[in-house]
Amino acid sequence: MDKFDMILNIGCGAKDSRGDVRIDISRGTNASLIADIRHLPFRENVFSIIICQHVLEHLQEDDAYGVRDQTVAIDEMYRVLKASGVCHIVVPWGWEACAFDHKRIWPPSIWRIMLDRRGFRKIEIRGRGSIFDFQNGFLDYIFHRLPLLKPLT
């Protein structure tokens, strides 16, 4: 990194002070700018590093598969990232994915496809597996993919 490299921290929250520019959608955070990841107020190719930790899983679902808001956010990160830049994305997987405020959790294979289709290269996915990974994926399939299932009354 040289002195001209800029770091964007998306969803910095109240405690994270990393980055030259820190954005969050909520007031009362450590953000230097209140902004929405789906509409980043920056020109193209500005940032050398983007940090986006535990943000994408909180985006609302706009279509039947829940991908529109997440893909728009990924497109925006790609747009403001320099060609030689690094985008560090963290999303929960396994047991930690079950938080009540998470709107959509995808398995690593889907994240890889989504990032690749949007132009990201050298995608590296690391994870912490758990014995619950299969169950979480299965429950996601049952509750989000099979709209014909209705509650028993």
C-alpha atoms as a PDB file:
ATOM      1  CA  MET A   1       0.000   0.000   0.000  1.00  0.00           C
ATOM      2  CA  ASP A   2       1.191   3.491  -0.733  1.00  0.00           C
ATOM      3  CA  LYS A   3       0.055   6.805   0.695  1.00  0.00           C
ATOM      4  CA  PHE A   4      -2.467   7.300  -2.108  1.00  0.00           C
ATOM      5  CA  ASP A   5      -4.357   4.074  -1.446  1.00  0.00           C
ATOM      6  CA  MET A   6      -7.829   4.597   0.003  1.00  0.00           C
ATOM      7  CA  ILE A   7      -9.660   2.111   2.229  1.00  0.00           C
ATOM      8  CA  LEU A   8     -13.464   1.951   2.301  1.00  0.00           C
ATOM      9  CA  ASN A   9     -15.106   0.283   5.300  1.00  0.00           C
ATOM     10  CA  ILE A  10     -18.747  -0.575   4.539  1.00  0.00           C
ATOM     11  CA  GLY A  11     -21.009  -1.183   7.521  1.00  0.00           C
ATOM     12  CA  CYS A  12     -18.465  -0.003  10.069  1.00  0.00           C
ATOM     13  CA  GLY A  13     -20.929   0.041  12.963  1.00  0.00           C
ATOM     14  CA  ALA A  14     -20.195   1.774  16.244  1.00  0.00           C
ATOM     15  CA  LYS A  15     -16.812   0.206  17.019  1.00  0.00           C
ATOM     16  CA  ASP A  16     -14.891  -0.334  13.780  1.00  0.00           C
ATOM     17  CA  SER A  17     -12.661   2.642  12.968  1.00  0.00           C
ATOM     18  CA  ARG A  18     -10.630   1.073  10.155  1.00  0.00           C
ATOM     19  CA  GLY A  19     -10.554   2.823   6.810  1.00  0.00           C
ATOM     20  CA  ASP A  20     -10.136   6.263   5.303  1.00  0.00           C
ATOM     21  CA  VAL A  21     -13.863   6.342   4.586  1.00  0.00           C
ATOM     22  CA  ARG A  22     -16.269   4.526   6.899  1.00  0.00           C
ATOM     23  CA  ILE A  23     -19.893   4.205   5.854  1.00  0.00           C
ATOM     24  CA  ASP A  24     -22.926   2.807   7.577  1.00  0.00           C
ATOM     25  CA  ILE A  25     -26.630   3.073   6.840  1.00  0.00           C
ATOM     26  CA  SER A  26     -27.398   3.772  10.505  1.00  0.00           C
ATOM     27  CA  ARG A  27     -26.841   6.935  12.465  1.00  0.00           C
ATOM     28  CA  GLY A  28     -25.068   6.731  15.801  1.00  0.00           C
ATOM     29  CA  THR A  29     -22.204   4.686  14.359  1.00  0.00           C
ATOM     30  CA  ASN A  30     -18.529   5.387  13.767  1.00  0.00           C
ATOM     31  CA  ALA A  31     -19.308   6.274  10.140  1.00  0.00           C
ATOM     32  CA  SER A  32     -17.676   9.244   8.478  1.00  0.00           C
ATOM     33  CA  LEU A  33     -20.581   9.157   5.998  1.00  0.00           C
ATOM     34  CA  ILE A  34     -24.132   7.789   6.186  1.00  0.00           C
ATOM     35  CA  ALA A  35     -24.646   5.850   2.955  1.00  0.00           C
ATOM     36  CA  ASP A  36     -26.310   2.762   1.506  1.00  0.00           C
ATOM     37  CA  ILE A  37     -24.110   0.013   0.050  1.00  0.00           C
ATOM     38  CA  ARG A  38     -26.560  -0.296  -2.862  1.00  0.00           C
ATOM     39  CA  HIS A  39     -25.915   3.329  -3.891  1.00  0.00           C
ATOM     40  CA  LEU A  40     -22.317   4.197  -3.035  1.00  0.00           C
ATOM     41  CA  PRO A  41     -21.739   7.959  -3.474  1.00  0.00           C
ATOM     42  CA  PHE A  42     -18.280   7.614  -5.034  1.00  0.00           C
ATOM     43  CA  ARG A  43     -16.871   7.705  -8.544  1.00  0.00           C
ATOM     44  CA  GLU A  44     -15.477   4.558 -10.156  1.00  0.00           C
ATOM     45  CA  ASN A  45     -12.100   3.028  -9.267  1.00  0.00           C
ATOM     46  CA  VAL A  46     -11.471   5.035  -6.083  1.00  0.00           C
ATOM     47  CA  PHE A  47     -10.603   2.499  -3.394  1.00  0.00           C
ATOM     48  CA  SER A  48      -7.655   0.114  -3.168  1.00  0.00           C
ATOM     49  CA  ILE A  49      -9.230  -1.865  -0.342  1.00  0.00           C
ATOM     50  CA  ILE A  50     -12.872  -2.439   0.573  1.00  0.00           C
ATOM     51  CA  ILE A  51     -13.852  -4.019   3.879  1.00  0.00           C
ATOM     52  CA  CYS A  52     -17.418  -5.325   4.039  1.00  0.00           C
ATOM     53  CA  GLN A  53     -17.967  -7.475   7.101  1.00  0.00           C
ATOM     54  CA  HIS A  54     -21.358  -8.855   8.107  1.00  0.00           C
ATOM     55  CA  VAL A  55     -23.378  -6.530   5.866  1.00  0.00           C
ATOM     56  CA  LEU A  56     -24.635  -8.472   2.841  1.00  0.00           C
ATOM     57  CA  GLU A  57     -26.683 -10.953   4.861  1.00  0.00           C
ATOM     58  CA  HIS A  58     -28.778  -8.081   6.256  1.00  0.00           C
ATOM     59  CA  LEU A  59     -29.990  -6.782   2.885  1.00  0.00           C
ATOM     60  CA  GLN A  60     -33.673  -7.175   2.077  1.00  0.00           C
ATOM     61  CA  GLU A  61     -34.861  -9.665  -0.486  1.00  0.00           C
ATOM     62  CA  ASP A  62     -36.321  -7.967  -3.548  1.00  0.00           C
ATOM     63  CA  ASP A  63     -36.988 -10.905  -5.807  1.00  0.00           C
ATOM     64  CA  ALA A  64     -38.132 -14.497  -5.465  1.00  0.00           C
ATOM     65  CA  TYR A  65     -34.584 -15.722  -4.806  1.00  0.00           C
ATOM     66  CA  GLY A  66     -33.422 -12.868  -2.577  1.00  0.00           C
ATOM     67  CA  VAL A  67     -30.435 -11.918  -4.677  1.00  0.00           C
ATOM     68  CA  ARG A  68     -31.232  -8.513  -6.124  1.00  0.00           C
ATOM     69  CA  ASP A  69     -30.072  -6.332  -3.230  1.00  0.00           C
ATOM     70  CA  GLN A  70     -26.983  -8.442  -2.647  1.00  0.00           C
ATOM     71  CA  THR A  71     -25.988  -8.385  -6.313  1.00  0.00           C
ATOM     72  CA  VAL A  72     -26.574  -4.625  -6.546  1.00  0.00           C
ATOM     73  CA  ALA A  73     -24.311  -4.181  -3.508  1.00  0.00           C
ATOM     74  CA  ILE A  74     -21.620  -6.404  -5.050  1.00  0.00           C
ATOM     75  CA  ASP A  75     -21.871  -4.438  -8.318  1.00  0.00           C
ATOM     76  CA  GLU A  76     -21.390  -1.195  -6.396  1.00  0.00           C
ATOM     77  CA  MET A  77     -18.323  -2.503  -4.564  1.00  0.00           C
ATOM     78  CA  TYR A  78     -16.833  -3.655  -7.864  1.00  0.00           C
ATOM     79  CA  ARG A  79     -17.542  -0.255  -9.424  1.00  0.00           C
ATOM     80  CA  VAL A  80     -15.696   1.774  -6.763  1.00  0.00           C
ATOM     81  CA  LEU A  81     -12.814  -0.712  -6.345  1.00  0.00           C
ATOM     82  CA  LYS A  82      -9.615  -0.107  -8.322  1.00  0.00           C
ATOM     83  CA  ALA A  83      -8.745  -2.801 -10.878  1.00  0.00           C
ATOM     84  CA  SER A  84      -5.828  -3.939  -8.722  1.00  0.00           C
ATOM     85  CA  GLY A  85      -7.805  -3.579  -5.495  1.00  0.00           C
ATOM     86  CA  VAL A  86      -8.819  -6.080  -2.841  1.00  0.00           C
ATOM     87  CA  CYS A  87     -12.358  -6.511  -1.555  1.00  0.00           C
ATOM     88  CA  HIS A  88     -12.599  -8.313   1.791  1.00  0.00           C
ATOM     89  CA  ILE A  89     -16.141  -9.637   2.330  1.00  0.00           C
ATOM     90  CA  VAL A  90     -17.212 -11.556   5.423  1.00  0.00           C
ATOM     91  CA  VAL A  91     -20.594 -13.281   5.661  1.00  0.00           C
ATOM     92  CA  PRO A  92     -21.715 -15.818   8.250  1.00  0.00           C
ATOM     93  CA  TRP A  93     -21.861 -19.492   7.472  1.00  0.00           C
ATOM     94  CA  GLY A  94     -22.743 -22.498   9.511  1.00  0.00           C
ATOM     95  CA  TRP A  95     -24.327 -22.040  12.904  1.00  0.00           C
ATOM     96  CA  GLU A  96     -23.671 -18.283  13.091  1.00  0.00           C
ATOM     97  CA  ALA A  97     -25.852 -17.775  10.012  1.00  0.00           C
ATOM     98  CA  CYS A  98     -29.008 -18.458  12.017  1.00  0.00           C
ATOM     99  CA  ALA A  99     -29.341 -14.973  13.539  1.00  0.00           C
ATOM    100  CA  PHE A 100     -32.895 -13.632  13.349  1.00  0.00           C
ATOM    101  CA  ASP A 101     -31.896 -10.461  11.470  1.00  0.00           C
ATOM    102  CA  HIS A 102     -30.144 -12.253   8.604  1.00  0.00           C
ATOM    103  CA  LYS A 103     -32.287 -11.994   5.474  1.00  0.00           C
ATOM    104  CA  ARG A 104     -30.433 -14.394   3.184  1.00  0.00           C
ATOM    105  CA  ILE A 105     -27.450 -16.692   3.617  1.00  0.00           C
ATOM    106  CA  TRP A 106     -25.861 -18.357   0.603  1.00  0.00           C
ATOM    107  CA  PRO A 107     -23.401 -21.261   0.639  1.00  0.00           C
ATOM    108  CA  PRO A 108     -19.812 -20.466  -0.419  1.00  0.00           C
ATOM    109  CA  SER A 109     -20.353 -21.934  -3.904  1.00  0.00           C
ATOM    110  CA  ILE A 110     -23.112 -19.402  -4.642  1.00  0.00           C
ATOM    111  CA  TRP A 111     -21.019 -16.488  -3.337  1.00  0.00           C
ATOM    112  CA  ARG A 112     -18.214 -17.578  -5.671  1.00  0.00           C
ATOM    113  CA  ILE A 113     -20.587 -17.575  -8.656  1.00  0.00           C
ATOM    114  CA  MET A 114     -22.092 -14.198  -7.707  1.00  0.00           C
ATOM    115  CA  LEU A 115     -18.660 -12.571  -7.313  1.00  0.00           C
ATOM    116  CA  ASP A 116     -17.284 -14.125 -10.493  1.00  0.00           C
ATOM    117  CA  ARG A 117     -20.268 -13.025 -12.601  1.00  0.00           C
ATOM    118  CA  ARG A 118     -19.759  -9.459 -11.429  1.00  0.00           C
ATOM    119  CA  GLY A 119     -16.135  -9.350 -12.531  1.00  0.00           C
ATOM    120  CA  PHE A 120     -14.208 -10.172  -9.368  1.00  0.00           C
ATOM    121  CA  ARG A 121     -11.131 -12.312  -9.998  1.00  0.00           C
ATOM    122  CA  LYS A 122      -8.854 -14.293  -7.711  1.00  0.00           C
ATOM    123  CA  ILE A 123     -11.761 -15.130  -5.447  1.00  0.00           C
ATOM    124  CA  GLU A 124     -10.627 -16.807  -2.262  1.00  0.00           C
ATOM    125  CA  ILE A 125     -13.225 -18.283   0.054  1.00  0.00           C
ATOM    126  CA  ARG A 126     -12.313 -19.402   3.529  1.00  0.00           C
ATOM    127  CA  GLY A 127     -14.724 -20.768   6.013  1.00  0.00           C
ATOM    128  CA  ARG A 128     -15.269 -22.303   9.328  1.00  0.00           C
ATOM    129  CA  GLY A 129     -17.347 -25.379   8.803  1.00  0.00           C
ATOM    130  CA  SER A 130     -19.564 -26.875  11.433  1.00  0.00           C
ATOM    131  CA  ILE A 131     -21.709 -29.922  11.908  1.00  0.00           C
ATOM    132  CA  PHE A 132     -24.688 -27.654  11.304  1.00  0.00           C
ATOM    133  CA  ASP A 133     -23.724 -26.631   7.753  1.00  0.00           C
ATOM    134  CA  PHE A 134     -25.819 -29.357   6.175  1.00  0.00           C
ATOM    135  CA  GLN A 135     -28.811 -28.671   8.388  1.00  0.00           C
ATOM    136  CA  ASN A 136     -28.676 -24.925   7.702  1.00  0.00           C
ATOM    137  CA  GLY A 137     -28.528 -25.484   3.965  1.00  0.00           C
ATOM    138  CA  PHE A 138     -31.359 -27.980   4.135  1.00  0.00           C
ATOM    139  CA  LEU A 139     -33.562 -25.675   6.235  1.00  0.00           C
ATOM    140  CA  ASP A 140     -32.857 -22.790   3.854  1.00  0.00           C
ATOM    141  CA  TYR A 141     -33.980 -24.993   0.991  1.00  0.00           C
ATOM    142  CA  ILE A 142     -37.154 -26.035   2.770  1.00  0.00           C
ATOM    143  CA  PHE A 143     -38.202 -22.587   3.991  1.00  0.00           C
ATOM    144  CA  HIS A 144     -37.058 -20.381   1.109  1.00  0.00           C
ATOM    145  CA  ARG A 145     -37.165 -22.553  -1.991  1.00  0.00           C
ATOM    146  CA  LEU A 146     -40.386 -24.482  -1.663  1.00  0.00           C
ATOM    147  CA  PRO A 147     -43.188 -21.913  -1.710  1.00  0.00           C
ATOM    148  CA  LEU A 148     -45.795 -24.647  -2.026  1.00  0.00           C
ATOM    149  CA  LEU A 149     -45.303 -25.723   1.575  1.00  0.00           C
ATOM    150  CA  LYS A 150     -47.961 -24.255   3.816  1.00  0.00           C
ATOM    151  CA  PRO A 151     -48.195 -24.377   7.592  1.00  0.00           C
ATOM    152  CA  LEU A 152     -50.386 -27.087   8.998  1.00  0.00           C
ATOM    153  CA  THR A 153     -53.578 -25.722  10.526  1.00  0.00           C
END
